[in-house]
Amino acid sequence: CYEAEINLVIHAYGGKIFLDLMDDG
């Protein structure tokens, strides 16, 4: 998550992160 978030900050024009916890864990 940290590596991907940093990539959004450095390399992209902004973006979103979506988190889902599924009922199977």
PDBML (XML) file of the C-alpha atoms, coordinates in Angstrom:
<?xml version="1.0" encoding="UTF-8" ?>
<PDBx:datablock datablockName="MODEL"
   xmlns:PDBx="http://pdbml.pdb.org/schema/pdbx-v50.xsd"
   xmlns:xsi="http://www.w3.org/2001/XMLSchema-instance"
   xsi:schemaLocation="http://pdbml.pdb.org/schema/pdbx-v50.xsd pdbx-v50.xsd">
   <PDBx:atom_siteCategory>
      <PDBx:atom_site id="1">
         <PDBx:B_iso_or_equiv>0.00</PDBx:B_iso_or_equiv>
         <PDBx:Cartn_x>0.000</PDBx:Cartn_x>
         <PDBx:Cartn_y>0.000</PDBx:Cartn_y>
         <PDBx:Cartn_z>0.000</PDBx:Cartn_z>
         <PDBx:auth_asym_id>A</PDBx:auth_asym_id>
         <PDBx:auth_atom_id>CA</PDBx:auth_atom_id>
         <PDBx:auth_comp_id>CYS</PDBx:auth_comp_id>
         <PDBx:auth_seq_id>1</PDBx:auth_seq_id>
         <PDBx:group_PDB>ATOM</PDBx:group_PDB>
         <PDBx:label_alt_id xsi:nil="true" />
         <PDBx:label_asym_id>A</PDBx:label_asym_id>
         <PDBx:label_atom_id>CA</PDBx:label_atom_id>
         <PDBx:label_comp_id>CYS</PDBx:label_comp_id>
         <PDBx:label_entity_id>1</PDBx:label_entity_id>
         <PDBx:label_seq_id>1</PDBx:label_seq_id>
         <PDBx:occupancy>1.00</PDBx:occupancy>
         <PDBx:pdbx_PDB_model_num>1</PDBx:pdbx_PDB_model_num>
         <PDBx:type_symbol>C</PDBx:type_symbol>
      </PDBx:atom_site>
      <PDBx:atom_site id="2">
         <PDBx:B_iso_or_equiv>0.00</PDBx:B_iso_or_equiv>
         <PDBx:Cartn_x>2.780</PDBx:Cartn_x>
         <PDBx:Cartn_y>2.432</PDBx:Cartn_y>
         <PDBx:Cartn_z>0.883</PDBx:Cartn_z>
         <PDBx:auth_asym_id>A</PDBx:auth_asym_id>
         <PDBx:auth_atom_id>CA</PDBx:auth_atom_id>
         <PDBx:auth_comp_id>TYR</PDBx:auth_comp_id>
         <PDBx:auth_seq_id>2</PDBx:auth_seq_id>
         <PDBx:group_PDB>ATOM</PDBx:group_PDB>
         <PDBx:label_alt_id xsi:nil="true" />
         <PDBx:label_asym_id>A</PDBx:label_asym_id>
         <PDBx:label_atom_id>CA</PDBx:label_atom_id>
         <PDBx:label_comp_id>TYR</PDBx:label_comp_id>
         <PDBx:label_entity_id>1</PDBx:label_entity_id>
         <PDBx:label_seq_id>2</PDBx:label_seq_id>
         <PDBx:occupancy>1.00</PDBx:occupancy>
         <PDBx:pdbx_PDB_model_num>1</PDBx:pdbx_PDB_model_num>
         <PDBx:type_symbol>C</PDBx:type_symbol>
      </PDBx:atom_site>
      <PDBx:atom_site id="3">
         <PDBx:B_iso_or_equiv>0.00</PDBx:B_iso_or_equiv>
         <PDBx:Cartn_x>4.733</PDBx:Cartn_x>
         <PDBx:Cartn_y>1.726</PDBx:Cartn_y>
         <PDBx:Cartn_z>-2.317</PDBx:Cartn_z>
         <PDBx:auth_asym_id>A</PDBx:auth_asym_id>
         <PDBx:auth_atom_id>CA</PDBx:auth_atom_id>
         <PDBx:auth_comp_id>GLU</PDBx:auth_comp_id>
         <PDBx:auth_seq_id>3</PDBx:auth_seq_id>
         <PDBx:group_PDB>ATOM</PDBx:group_PDB>
         <PDBx:label_alt_id xsi:nil="true" />
         <PDBx:label_asym_id>A</PDBx:label_asym_id>
         <PDBx:label_atom_id>CA</PDBx:label_atom_id>
         <PDBx:label_comp_id>GLU</PDBx:label_comp_id>
         <PDBx:label_entity_id>1</PDBx:label_entity_id>
         <PDBx:label_seq_id>3</PDBx:label_seq_id>
         <PDBx:occupancy>1.00</PDBx:occupancy>
         <PDBx:pdbx_PDB_model_num>1</PDBx:pdbx_PDB_model_num>
         <PDBx:type_symbol>C</PDBx:type_symbol>
      </PDBx:atom_site>
      <PDBx:atom_site id="4">
         <PDBx:B_iso_or_equiv>0.00</PDBx:B_iso_or_equiv>
         <PDBx:Cartn_x>1.627</PDBx:Cartn_x>
         <PDBx:Cartn_y>2.124</PDBx:Cartn_y>
         <PDBx:Cartn_z>-4.485</PDBx:Cartn_z>
         <PDBx:auth_asym_id>A</PDBx:auth_asym_id>
         <PDBx:auth_atom_id>CA</PDBx:auth_atom_id>
         <PDBx:auth_comp_id>ALA</PDBx:auth_comp_id>
         <PDBx:auth_seq_id>4</PDBx:auth_seq_id>
         <PDBx:group_PDB>ATOM</PDBx:group_PDB>
         <PDBx:label_alt_id xsi:nil="true" />
         <PDBx:label_asym_id>A</PDBx:label_asym_id>
         <PDBx:label_atom_id>CA</PDBx:label_atom_id>
         <PDBx:label_comp_id>ALA</PDBx:label_comp_id>
         <PDBx:label_entity_id>1</PDBx:label_entity_id>
         <PDBx:label_seq_id>4</PDBx:label_seq_id>
         <PDBx:occupancy>1.00</PDBx:occupancy>
         <PDBx:pdbx_PDB_model_num>1</PDBx:pdbx_PDB_model_num>
         <PDBx:type_symbol>C</PDBx:type_symbol>
      </PDBx:atom_site>
      <PDBx:atom_site id="5">
         <PDBx:B_iso_or_equiv>0.00</PDBx:B_iso_or_equiv>
         <PDBx:Cartn_x>0.527</PDBx:Cartn_x>
         <PDBx:Cartn_y>5.296</PDBx:Cartn_y>
         <PDBx:Cartn_z>-2.683</PDBx:Cartn_z>
         <PDBx:auth_asym_id>A</PDBx:auth_asym_id>
         <PDBx:auth_atom_id>CA</PDBx:auth_atom_id>
         <PDBx:auth_comp_id>GLU</PDBx:auth_comp_id>
         <PDBx:auth_seq_id>5</PDBx:auth_seq_id>
         <PDBx:group_PDB>ATOM</PDBx:group_PDB>
         <PDBx:label_alt_id xsi:nil="true" />
         <PDBx:label_asym_id>A</PDBx:label_asym_id>
         <PDBx:label_atom_id>CA</PDBx:label_atom_id>
         <PDBx:label_comp_id>GLU</PDBx:label_comp_id>
         <PDBx:label_entity_id>1</PDBx:label_entity_id>
         <PDBx:label_seq_id>5</PDBx:label_seq_id>
         <PDBx:occupancy>1.00</PDBx:occupancy>
         <PDBx:pdbx_PDB_model_num>1</PDBx:pdbx_PDB_model_num>
         <PDBx:type_symbol>C</PDBx:type_symbol>
      </PDBx:atom_site>
      <PDBx:atom_site id="6">
         <PDBx:B_iso_or_equiv>0.00</PDBx:B_iso_or_equiv>
         <PDBx:Cartn_x>3.980</PDBx:Cartn_x>
         <PDBx:Cartn_y>6.829</PDBx:Cartn_y>
         <PDBx:Cartn_z>-3.187</PDBx:Cartn_z>
         <PDBx:auth_asym_id>A</PDBx:auth_asym_id>
         <PDBx:auth_atom_id>CA</PDBx:auth_atom_id>
         <PDBx:auth_comp_id>ILE</PDBx:auth_comp_id>
         <PDBx:auth_seq_id>6</PDBx:auth_seq_id>
         <PDBx:group_PDB>ATOM</PDBx:group_PDB>
         <PDBx:label_alt_id xsi:nil="true" />
         <PDBx:label_asym_id>A</PDBx:label_asym_id>
         <PDBx:label_atom_id>CA</PDBx:label_atom_id>
         <PDBx:label_comp_id>ILE</PDBx:label_comp_id>
         <PDBx:label_entity_id>1</PDBx:label_entity_id>
         <PDBx:label_seq_id>6</PDBx:label_seq_id>
         <PDBx:occupancy>1.00</PDBx:occupancy>
         <PDBx:pdbx_PDB_model_num>1</PDBx:pdbx_PDB_model_num>
         <PDBx:type_symbol>C</PDBx:type_symbol>
      </PDBx:atom_site>
      <PDBx:atom_site id="7">
         <PDBx:B_iso_or_equiv>0.00</PDBx:B_iso_or_equiv>
         <PDBx:Cartn_x>3.772</PDBx:Cartn_x>
         <PDBx:Cartn_y>5.937</PDBx:Cartn_y>
         <PDBx:Cartn_z>-6.885</PDBx:Cartn_z>
         <PDBx:auth_asym_id>A</PDBx:auth_asym_id>
         <PDBx:auth_atom_id>CA</PDBx:auth_atom_id>
         <PDBx:auth_comp_id>ASN</PDBx:auth_comp_id>
         <PDBx:auth_seq_id>7</PDBx:auth_seq_id>
         <PDBx:group_PDB>ATOM</PDBx:group_PDB>
         <PDBx:label_alt_id xsi:nil="true" />
         <PDBx:label_asym_id>A</PDBx:label_asym_id>
         <PDBx:label_atom_id>CA</PDBx:label_atom_id>
         <PDBx:label_comp_id>ASN</PDBx:label_comp_id>
         <PDBx:label_entity_id>1</PDBx:label_entity_id>
         <PDBx:label_seq_id>7</PDBx:label_seq_id>
         <PDBx:occupancy>1.00</PDBx:occupancy>
         <PDBx:pdbx_PDB_model_num>1</PDBx:pdbx_PDB_model_num>
         <PDBx:type_symbol>C</PDBx:type_symbol>
      </PDBx:atom_site>
      <PDBx:atom_site id="8">
         <PDBx:B_iso_or_equiv>0.00</PDBx:B_iso_or_equiv>
         <PDBx:Cartn_x>0.478</PDBx:Cartn_x>
         <PDBx:Cartn_y>7.865</PDBx:Cartn_y>
         <PDBx:Cartn_z>-7.099</PDBx:Cartn_z>
         <PDBx:auth_asym_id>A</PDBx:auth_asym_id>
         <PDBx:auth_atom_id>CA</PDBx:auth_atom_id>
         <PDBx:auth_comp_id>LEU</PDBx:auth_comp_id>
         <PDBx:auth_seq_id>8</PDBx:auth_seq_id>
         <PDBx:group_PDB>ATOM</PDBx:group_PDB>
         <PDBx:label_alt_id xsi:nil="true" />
         <PDBx:label_asym_id>A</PDBx:label_asym_id>
         <PDBx:label_atom_id>CA</PDBx:label_atom_id>
         <PDBx:label_comp_id>LEU</PDBx:label_comp_id>
         <PDBx:label_entity_id>1</PDBx:label_entity_id>
         <PDBx:label_seq_id>8</PDBx:label_seq_id>
         <PDBx:occupancy>1.00</PDBx:occupancy>
         <PDBx:pdbx_PDB_model_num>1</PDBx:pdbx_PDB_model_num>
         <PDBx:type_symbol>C</PDBx:type_symbol>
      </PDBx:atom_site>
      <PDBx:atom_site id="9">
         <PDBx:B_iso_or_equiv>0.00</PDBx:B_iso_or_equiv>
         <PDBx:Cartn_x>2.115</PDBx:Cartn_x>
         <PDBx:Cartn_y>10.908</PDBx:Cartn_y>
         <PDBx:Cartn_z>-5.503</PDBx:Cartn_z>
         <PDBx:auth_asym_id>A</PDBx:auth_asym_id>
         <PDBx:auth_atom_id>CA</PDBx:auth_atom_id>
         <PDBx:auth_comp_id>VAL</PDBx:auth_comp_id>
         <PDBx:auth_seq_id>9</PDBx:auth_seq_id>
         <PDBx:group_PDB>ATOM</PDBx:group_PDB>
         <PDBx:label_alt_id xsi:nil="true" />
         <PDBx:label_asym_id>A</PDBx:label_asym_id>
         <PDBx:label_atom_id>CA</PDBx:label_atom_id>
         <PDBx:label_comp_id>VAL</PDBx:label_comp_id>
         <PDBx:label_entity_id>1</PDBx:label_entity_id>
         <PDBx:label_seq_id>9</PDBx:label_seq_id>
         <PDBx:occupancy>1.00</PDBx:occupancy>
         <PDBx:pdbx_PDB_model_num>1</PDBx:pdbx_PDB_model_num>
         <PDBx:type_symbol>C</PDBx:type_symbol>
      </PDBx:atom_site>
      <PDBx:atom_site id="10">
         <PDBx:B_iso_or_equiv>0.00</PDBx:B_iso_or_equiv>
         <PDBx:Cartn_x>5.306</PDBx:Cartn_x>
         <PDBx:Cartn_y>10.806</PDBx:Cartn_y>
         <PDBx:Cartn_z>-7.594</PDBx:Cartn_z>
         <PDBx:auth_asym_id>A</PDBx:auth_asym_id>
         <PDBx:auth_atom_id>CA</PDBx:auth_atom_id>
         <PDBx:auth_comp_id>ILE</PDBx:auth_comp_id>
         <PDBx:auth_seq_id>10</PDBx:auth_seq_id>
         <PDBx:group_PDB>ATOM</PDBx:group_PDB>
         <PDBx:label_alt_id xsi:nil="true" />
         <PDBx:label_asym_id>A</PDBx:label_asym_id>
         <PDBx:label_atom_id>CA</PDBx:label_atom_id>
         <PDBx:label_comp_id>ILE</PDBx:label_comp_id>
         <PDBx:label_entity_id>1</PDBx:label_entity_id>
         <PDBx:label_seq_id>10</PDBx:label_seq_id>
         <PDBx:occupancy>1.00</PDBx:occupancy>
         <PDBx:pdbx_PDB_model_num>1</PDBx:pdbx_PDB_model_num>
         <PDBx:type_symbol>C</PDBx:type_symbol>
      </PDBx:atom_site>
      <PDBx:atom_site id="11">
         <PDBx:B_iso_or_equiv>0.00</PDBx:B_iso_or_equiv>
         <PDBx:Cartn_x>4.249</PDBx:Cartn_x>
         <PDBx:Cartn_y>9.538</PDBx:Cartn_y>
         <PDBx:Cartn_z>-11.005</PDBx:Cartn_z>
         <PDBx:auth_asym_id>A</PDBx:auth_asym_id>
         <PDBx:auth_atom_id>CA</PDBx:auth_atom_id>
         <PDBx:auth_comp_id>HIS</PDBx:auth_comp_id>
         <PDBx:auth_seq_id>11</PDBx:auth_seq_id>
         <PDBx:group_PDB>ATOM</PDBx:group_PDB>
         <PDBx:label_alt_id xsi:nil="true" />
         <PDBx:label_asym_id>A</PDBx:label_asym_id>
         <PDBx:label_atom_id>CA</PDBx:label_atom_id>
         <PDBx:label_comp_id>HIS</PDBx:label_comp_id>
         <PDBx:label_entity_id>1</PDBx:label_entity_id>
         <PDBx:label_seq_id>11</PDBx:label_seq_id>
         <PDBx:occupancy>1.00</PDBx:occupancy>
         <PDBx:pdbx_PDB_model_num>1</PDBx:pdbx_PDB_model_num>
         <PDBx:type_symbol>C</PDBx:type_symbol>
      </PDBx:atom_site>
      <PDBx:atom_site id="12">
         <PDBx:B_iso_or_equiv>0.00</PDBx:B_iso_or_equiv>
         <PDBx:Cartn_x>0.522</PDBx:Cartn_x>
         <PDBx:Cartn_y>10.178</PDBx:Cartn_y>
         <PDBx:Cartn_z>-11.486</PDBx:Cartn_z>
         <PDBx:auth_asym_id>A</PDBx:auth_asym_id>
         <PDBx:auth_atom_id>CA</PDBx:auth_atom_id>
         <PDBx:auth_comp_id>ALA</PDBx:auth_comp_id>
         <PDBx:auth_seq_id>12</PDBx:auth_seq_id>
         <PDBx:group_PDB>ATOM</PDBx:group_PDB>
         <PDBx:label_alt_id xsi:nil="true" />
         <PDBx:label_asym_id>A</PDBx:label_asym_id>
         <PDBx:label_atom_id>CA</PDBx:label_atom_id>
         <PDBx:label_comp_id>ALA</PDBx:label_comp_id>
         <PDBx:label_entity_id>1</PDBx:label_entity_id>
         <PDBx:label_seq_id>12</PDBx:label_seq_id>
         <PDBx:occupancy>1.00</PDBx:occupancy>
         <PDBx:pdbx_PDB_model_num>1</PDBx:pdbx_PDB_model_num>
         <PDBx:type_symbol>C</PDBx:type_symbol>
      </PDBx:atom_site>
      <PDBx:atom_site id="13">
         <PDBx:B_iso_or_equiv>0.00</PDBx:B_iso_or_equiv>
         <PDBx:Cartn_x>-1.787</PDBx:Cartn_x>
         <PDBx:Cartn_y>13.160</PDBx:Cartn_y>
         <PDBx:Cartn_z>-11.821</PDBx:Cartn_z>
         <PDBx:auth_asym_id>A</PDBx:auth_asym_id>
         <PDBx:auth_atom_id>CA</PDBx:auth_atom_id>
         <PDBx:auth_comp_id>TYR</PDBx:auth_comp_id>
         <PDBx:auth_seq_id>13</PDBx:auth_seq_id>
         <PDBx:group_PDB>ATOM</PDBx:group_PDB>
         <PDBx:label_alt_id xsi:nil="true" />
         <PDBx:label_asym_id>A</PDBx:label_asym_id>
         <PDBx:label_atom_id>CA</PDBx:label_atom_id>
         <PDBx:label_comp_id>TYR</PDBx:label_comp_id>
         <PDBx:label_entity_id>1</PDBx:label_entity_id>
         <PDBx:label_seq_id>13</PDBx:label_seq_id>
         <PDBx:occupancy>1.00</PDBx:occupancy>
         <PDBx:pdbx_PDB_model_num>1</PDBx:pdbx_PDB_model_num>
         <PDBx:type_symbol>C</PDBx:type_symbol>
      </PDBx:atom_site>
      <PDBx:atom_site id="14">
         <PDBx:B_iso_or_equiv>0.00</PDBx:B_iso_or_equiv>
         <PDBx:Cartn_x>-3.454</PDBx:Cartn_x>
         <PDBx:Cartn_y>12.118</PDBx:Cartn_y>
         <PDBx:Cartn_z>-8.591</PDBx:Cartn_z>
         <PDBx:auth_asym_id>A</PDBx:auth_asym_id>
         <PDBx:auth_atom_id>CA</PDBx:auth_atom_id>
         <PDBx:auth_comp_id>GLY</PDBx:auth_comp_id>
         <PDBx:auth_seq_id>14</PDBx:auth_seq_id>
         <PDBx:group_PDB>ATOM</PDBx:group_PDB>
         <PDBx:label_alt_id xsi:nil="true" />
         <PDBx:label_asym_id>A</PDBx:label_asym_id>
         <PDBx:label_atom_id>CA</PDBx:label_atom_id>
         <PDBx:label_comp_id>GLY</PDBx:label_comp_id>
         <PDBx:label_entity_id>1</PDBx:label_entity_id>
         <PDBx:label_seq_id>14</PDBx:label_seq_id>
         <PDBx:occupancy>1.00</PDBx:occupancy>
         <PDBx:pdbx_PDB_model_num>1</PDBx:pdbx_PDB_model_num>
         <PDBx:type_symbol>C</PDBx:type_symbol>
      </PDBx:atom_site>
      <PDBx:atom_site id="15">
         <PDBx:B_iso_or_equiv>0.00</PDBx:B_iso_or_equiv>
         <PDBx:Cartn_x>-5.728</PDBx:Cartn_x>
         <PDBx:Cartn_y>9.183</PDBx:Cartn_y>
         <PDBx:Cartn_z>-8.000</PDBx:Cartn_z>
         <PDBx:auth_asym_id>A</PDBx:auth_asym_id>
         <PDBx:auth_atom_id>CA</PDBx:auth_atom_id>
         <PDBx:auth_comp_id>GLY</PDBx:auth_comp_id>
         <PDBx:auth_seq_id>15</PDBx:auth_seq_id>
         <PDBx:group_PDB>ATOM</PDBx:group_PDB>
         <PDBx:label_alt_id xsi:nil="true" />
         <PDBx:label_asym_id>A</PDBx:label_asym_id>
         <PDBx:label_atom_id>CA</PDBx:label_atom_id>
         <PDBx:label_comp_id>GLY</PDBx:label_comp_id>
         <PDBx:label_entity_id>1</PDBx:label_entity_id>
         <PDBx:label_seq_id>15</PDBx:label_seq_id>
         <PDBx:occupancy>1.00</PDBx:occupancy>
         <PDBx:pdbx_PDB_model_num>1</PDBx:pdbx_PDB_model_num>
         <PDBx:type_symbol>C</PDBx:type_symbol>
      </PDBx:atom_site>
      <PDBx:atom_site id="16">
         <PDBx:B_iso_or_equiv>0.00</PDBx:B_iso_or_equiv>
         <PDBx:Cartn_x>-7.746</PDBx:Cartn_x>
         <PDBx:Cartn_y>7.063</PDBx:Cartn_y>
         <PDBx:Cartn_z>-5.626</PDBx:Cartn_z>
         <PDBx:auth_asym_id>A</PDBx:auth_asym_id>
         <PDBx:auth_atom_id>CA</PDBx:auth_atom_id>
         <PDBx:auth_comp_id>LYS</PDBx:auth_comp_id>
         <PDBx:auth_seq_id>16</PDBx:auth_seq_id>
         <PDBx:group_PDB>ATOM</PDBx:group_PDB>
         <PDBx:label_alt_id xsi:nil="true" />
         <PDBx:label_asym_id>A</PDBx:label_asym_id>
         <PDBx:label_atom_id>CA</PDBx:label_atom_id>
         <PDBx:label_comp_id>LYS</PDBx:label_comp_id>
         <PDBx:label_entity_id>1</PDBx:label_entity_id>
         <PDBx:label_seq_id>16</PDBx:label_seq_id>
         <PDBx:occupancy>1.00</PDBx:occupancy>
         <PDBx:pdbx_PDB_model_num>1</PDBx:pdbx_PDB_model_num>
         <PDBx:type_symbol>C</PDBx:type_symbol>
      </PDBx:atom_site>
      <PDBx:atom_site id="17">
         <PDBx:B_iso_or_equiv>0.00</PDBx:B_iso_or_equiv>
         <PDBx:Cartn_x>-7.154</PDBx:Cartn_x>
         <PDBx:Cartn_y>4.111</PDBx:Cartn_y>
         <PDBx:Cartn_z>-3.359</PDBx:Cartn_z>
         <PDBx:auth_asym_id>A</PDBx:auth_asym_id>
         <PDBx:auth_atom_id>CA</PDBx:auth_atom_id>
         <PDBx:auth_comp_id>ILE</PDBx:auth_comp_id>
         <PDBx:auth_seq_id>17</PDBx:auth_seq_id>
         <PDBx:group_PDB>ATOM</PDBx:group_PDB>
         <PDBx:label_alt_id xsi:nil="true" />
         <PDBx:label_asym_id>A</PDBx:label_asym_id>
         <PDBx:label_atom_id>CA</PDBx:label_atom_id>
         <PDBx:label_comp_id>ILE</PDBx:label_comp_id>
         <PDBx:label_entity_id>1</PDBx:label_entity_id>
         <PDBx:label_seq_id>17</PDBx:label_seq_id>
         <PDBx:occupancy>1.00</PDBx:occupancy>
         <PDBx:pdbx_PDB_model_num>1</PDBx:pdbx_PDB_model_num>
         <PDBx:type_symbol>C</PDBx:type_symbol>
      </PDBx:atom_site>
      <PDBx:atom_site id="18">
         <PDBx:B_iso_or_equiv>0.00</PDBx:B_iso_or_equiv>
         <PDBx:Cartn_x>-9.989</PDBx:Cartn_x>
         <PDBx:Cartn_y>1.654</PDBx:Cartn_y>
         <PDBx:Cartn_z>-2.764</PDBx:Cartn_z>
         <PDBx:auth_asym_id>A</PDBx:auth_asym_id>
         <PDBx:auth_atom_id>CA</PDBx:auth_atom_id>
         <PDBx:auth_comp_id>PHE</PDBx:auth_comp_id>
         <PDBx:auth_seq_id>18</PDBx:auth_seq_id>
         <PDBx:group_PDB>ATOM</PDBx:group_PDB>
         <PDBx:label_alt_id xsi:nil="true" />
         <PDBx:label_asym_id>A</PDBx:label_asym_id>
         <PDBx:label_atom_id>CA</PDBx:label_atom_id>
         <PDBx:label_comp_id>PHE</PDBx:label_comp_id>
         <PDBx:label_entity_id>1</PDBx:label_entity_id>
         <PDBx:label_seq_id>18</PDBx:label_seq_id>
         <PDBx:occupancy>1.00</PDBx:occupancy>
         <PDBx:pdbx_PDB_model_num>1</PDBx:pdbx_PDB_model_num>
         <PDBx:type_symbol>C</PDBx:type_symbol>
      </PDBx:atom_site>
      <PDBx:atom_site id="19">
         <PDBx:B_iso_or_equiv>0.00</PDBx:B_iso_or_equiv>
         <PDBx:Cartn_x>-9.917</PDBx:Cartn_x>
         <PDBx:Cartn_y>-0.791</PDBx:Cartn_y>
         <PDBx:Cartn_z>0.148</PDBx:Cartn_z>
         <PDBx:auth_asym_id>A</PDBx:auth_asym_id>
         <PDBx:auth_atom_id>CA</PDBx:auth_atom_id>
         <PDBx:auth_comp_id>LEU</PDBx:auth_comp_id>
         <PDBx:auth_seq_id>19</PDBx:auth_seq_id>
         <PDBx:group_PDB>ATOM</PDBx:group_PDB>
         <PDBx:label_alt_id xsi:nil="true" />
         <PDBx:label_asym_id>A</PDBx:label_asym_id>
         <PDBx:label_atom_id>CA</PDBx:label_atom_id>
         <PDBx:label_comp_id>LEU</PDBx:label_comp_id>
         <PDBx:label_entity_id>1</PDBx:label_entity_id>
         <PDBx:label_seq_id>19</PDBx:label_seq_id>
         <PDBx:occupancy>1.00</PDBx:occupancy>
         <PDBx:pdbx_PDB_model_num>1</PDBx:pdbx_PDB_model_num>
         <PDBx:type_symbol>C</PDBx:type_symbol>
      </PDBx:atom_site>
      <PDBx:atom_site id="20">
         <PDBx:B_iso_or_equiv>0.00</PDBx:B_iso_or_equiv>
         <PDBx:Cartn_x>-12.281</PDBx:Cartn_x>
         <PDBx:Cartn_y>-3.740</PDBx:Cartn_y>
         <PDBx:Cartn_z>0.446</PDBx:Cartn_z>
         <PDBx:auth_asym_id>A</PDBx:auth_asym_id>
         <PDBx:auth_atom_id>CA</PDBx:auth_atom_id>
         <PDBx:auth_comp_id>ASP</PDBx:auth_comp_id>
         <PDBx:auth_seq_id>20</PDBx:auth_seq_id>
         <PDBx:group_PDB>ATOM</PDBx:group_PDB>
         <PDBx:label_alt_id xsi:nil="true" />
         <PDBx:label_asym_id>A</PDBx:label_asym_id>
         <PDBx:label_atom_id>CA</PDBx:label_atom_id>
         <PDBx:label_comp_id>ASP</PDBx:label_comp_id>
         <PDBx:label_entity_id>1</PDBx:label_entity_id>
         <PDBx:label_seq_id>20</PDBx:label_seq_id>
         <PDBx:occupancy>1.00</PDBx:occupancy>
         <PDBx:pdbx_PDB_model_num>1</PDBx:pdbx_PDB_model_num>
         <PDBx:type_symbol>C</PDBx:type_symbol>
      </PDBx:atom_site>
      <PDBx:atom_site id="21">
         <PDBx:B_iso_or_equiv>0.00</PDBx:B_iso_or_equiv>
         <PDBx:Cartn_x>-12.293</PDBx:Cartn_x>
         <PDBx:Cartn_y>-6.351</PDBx:Cartn_y>
         <PDBx:Cartn_z>3.182</PDBx:Cartn_z>
         <PDBx:auth_asym_id>A</PDBx:auth_asym_id>
         <PDBx:auth_atom_id>CA</PDBx:auth_atom_id>
         <PDBx:auth_comp_id>LEU</PDBx:auth_comp_id>
         <PDBx:auth_seq_id>21</PDBx:auth_seq_id>
         <PDBx:group_PDB>ATOM</PDBx:group_PDB>
         <PDBx:label_alt_id xsi:nil="true" />
         <PDBx:label_asym_id>A</PDBx:label_asym_id>
         <PDBx:label_atom_id>CA</PDBx:label_atom_id>
         <PDBx:label_comp_id>LEU</PDBx:label_comp_id>
         <PDBx:label_entity_id>1</PDBx:label_entity_id>
         <PDBx:label_seq_id>21</PDBx:label_seq_id>
         <PDBx:occupancy>1.00</PDBx:occupancy>
         <PDBx:pdbx_PDB_model_num>1</PDBx:pdbx_PDB_model_num>
         <PDBx:type_symbol>C</PDBx:type_symbol>
      </PDBx:atom_site>
      <PDBx:atom_site id="22">
         <PDBx:B_iso_or_equiv>0.00</PDBx:B_iso_or_equiv>
         <PDBx:Cartn_x>-14.156</PDBx:Cartn_x>
         <PDBx:Cartn_y>-9.365</PDBx:Cartn_y>
         <PDBx:Cartn_z>1.927</PDBx:Cartn_z>
         <PDBx:auth_asym_id>A</PDBx:auth_asym_id>
         <PDBx:auth_atom_id>CA</PDBx:auth_atom_id>
         <PDBx:auth_comp_id>MET</PDBx:auth_comp_id>
         <PDBx:auth_seq_id>22</PDBx:auth_seq_id>
         <PDBx:group_PDB>ATOM</PDBx:group_PDB>
         <PDBx:label_alt_id xsi:nil="true" />
         <PDBx:label_asym_id>A</PDBx:label_asym_id>
         <PDBx:label_atom_id>CA</PDBx:label_atom_id>
         <PDBx:label_comp_id>MET</PDBx:label_comp_id>
         <PDBx:label_entity_id>1</PDBx:label_entity_id>
         <PDBx:label_seq_id>22</PDBx:label_seq_id>
         <PDBx:occupancy>1.00</PDBx:occupancy>
         <PDBx:pdbx_PDB_model_num>1</PDBx:pdbx_PDB_model_num>
         <PDBx:type_symbol>C</PDBx:type_symbol>
      </PDBx:atom_site>
      <PDBx:atom_site id="23">
         <PDBx:B_iso_or_equiv>0.00</PDBx:B_iso_or_equiv>
         <PDBx:Cartn_x>-16.257</PDBx:Cartn_x>
         <PDBx:Cartn_y>-11.675</PDBx:Cartn_y>
         <PDBx:Cartn_z>4.114</PDBx:Cartn_z>
         <PDBx:auth_asym_id>A</PDBx:auth_asym_id>
         <PDBx:auth_atom_id>CA</PDBx:auth_atom_id>
         <PDBx:auth_comp_id>ASP</PDBx:auth_comp_id>
         <PDBx:auth_seq_id>23</PDBx:auth_seq_id>
         <PDBx:group_PDB>ATOM</PDBx:group_PDB>
         <PDBx:label_alt_id xsi:nil="true" />
         <PDBx:label_asym_id>A</PDBx:label_asym_id>
         <PDBx:label_atom_id>CA</PDBx:label_atom_id>
         <PDBx:label_comp_id>ASP</PDBx:label_comp_id>
         <PDBx:label_entity_id>1</PDBx:label_entity_id>
         <PDBx:label_seq_id>23</PDBx:label_seq_id>
         <PDBx:occupancy>1.00</PDBx:occupancy>
         <PDBx:pdbx_PDB_model_num>1</PDBx:pdbx_PDB_model_num>
         <PDBx:type_symbol>C</PDBx:type_symbol>
      </PDBx:atom_site>
      <PDBx:atom_site id="24">
         <PDBx:B_iso_or_equiv>0.00</PDBx:B_iso_or_equiv>
         <PDBx:Cartn_x>-13.762</PDBx:Cartn_x>
         <PDBx:Cartn_y>-14.504</PDBx:Cartn_y>
         <PDBx:Cartn_z>3.483</PDBx:Cartn_z>
         <PDBx:auth_asym_id>A</PDBx:auth_asym_id>
         <PDBx:auth_atom_id>CA</PDBx:auth_atom_id>
         <PDBx:auth_comp_id>ASP</PDBx:auth_comp_id>
         <PDBx:auth_seq_id>24</PDBx:auth_seq_id>
         <PDBx:group_PDB>ATOM</PDBx:group_PDB>
         <PDBx:label_alt_id xsi:nil="true" />
         <PDBx:label_asym_id>A</PDBx:label_asym_id>
         <PDBx:label_atom_id>CA</PDBx:label_atom_id>
         <PDBx:label_comp_id>ASP</PDBx:label_comp_id>
         <PDBx:label_entity_id>1</PDBx:label_entity_id>
         <PDBx:label_seq_id>24</PDBx:label_seq_id>
         <PDBx:occupancy>1.00</PDBx:occupancy>
         <PDBx:pdbx_PDB_model_num>1</PDBx:pdbx_PDB_model_num>
         <PDBx:type_symbol>C</PDBx:type_symbol>
      </PDBx:atom_site>
      <PDBx:atom_site id="25">
         <PDBx:B_iso_or_equiv>0.00</PDBx:B_iso_or_equiv>
         <PDBx:Cartn_x>-10.934</PDBx:Cartn_x>
         <PDBx:Cartn_y>-12.400</PDBx:Cartn_y>
         <PDBx:Cartn_z>4.993</PDBx:Cartn_z>
         <PDBx:auth_asym_id>A</PDBx:auth_asym_id>
         <PDBx:auth_atom_id>CA</PDBx:auth_atom_id>
         <PDBx:auth_comp_id>GLY</PDBx:auth_comp_id>
         <PDBx:auth_seq_id>25</PDBx:auth_seq_id>
         <PDBx:group_PDB>ATOM</PDBx:group_PDB>
         <PDBx:label_alt_id xsi:nil="true" />
         <PDBx:label_asym_id>A</PDBx:label_asym_id>
         <PDBx:label_atom_id>CA</PDBx:label_atom_id>
         <PDBx:label_comp_id>GLY</PDBx:label_comp_id>
         <PDBx:label_entity_id>1</PDBx:label_entity_id>
         <PDBx:label_seq_id>25</PDBx:label_seq_id>
         <PDBx:occupancy>1.00</PDBx:occupancy>
         <PDBx:pdbx_PDB_model_num>1</PDBx:pdbx_PDB_model_num>
         <PDBx:type_symbol>C</PDBx:type_symbol>
      </PDBx:atom_site>
   </PDBx:atom_siteCategory>
</PDBx:datablock>
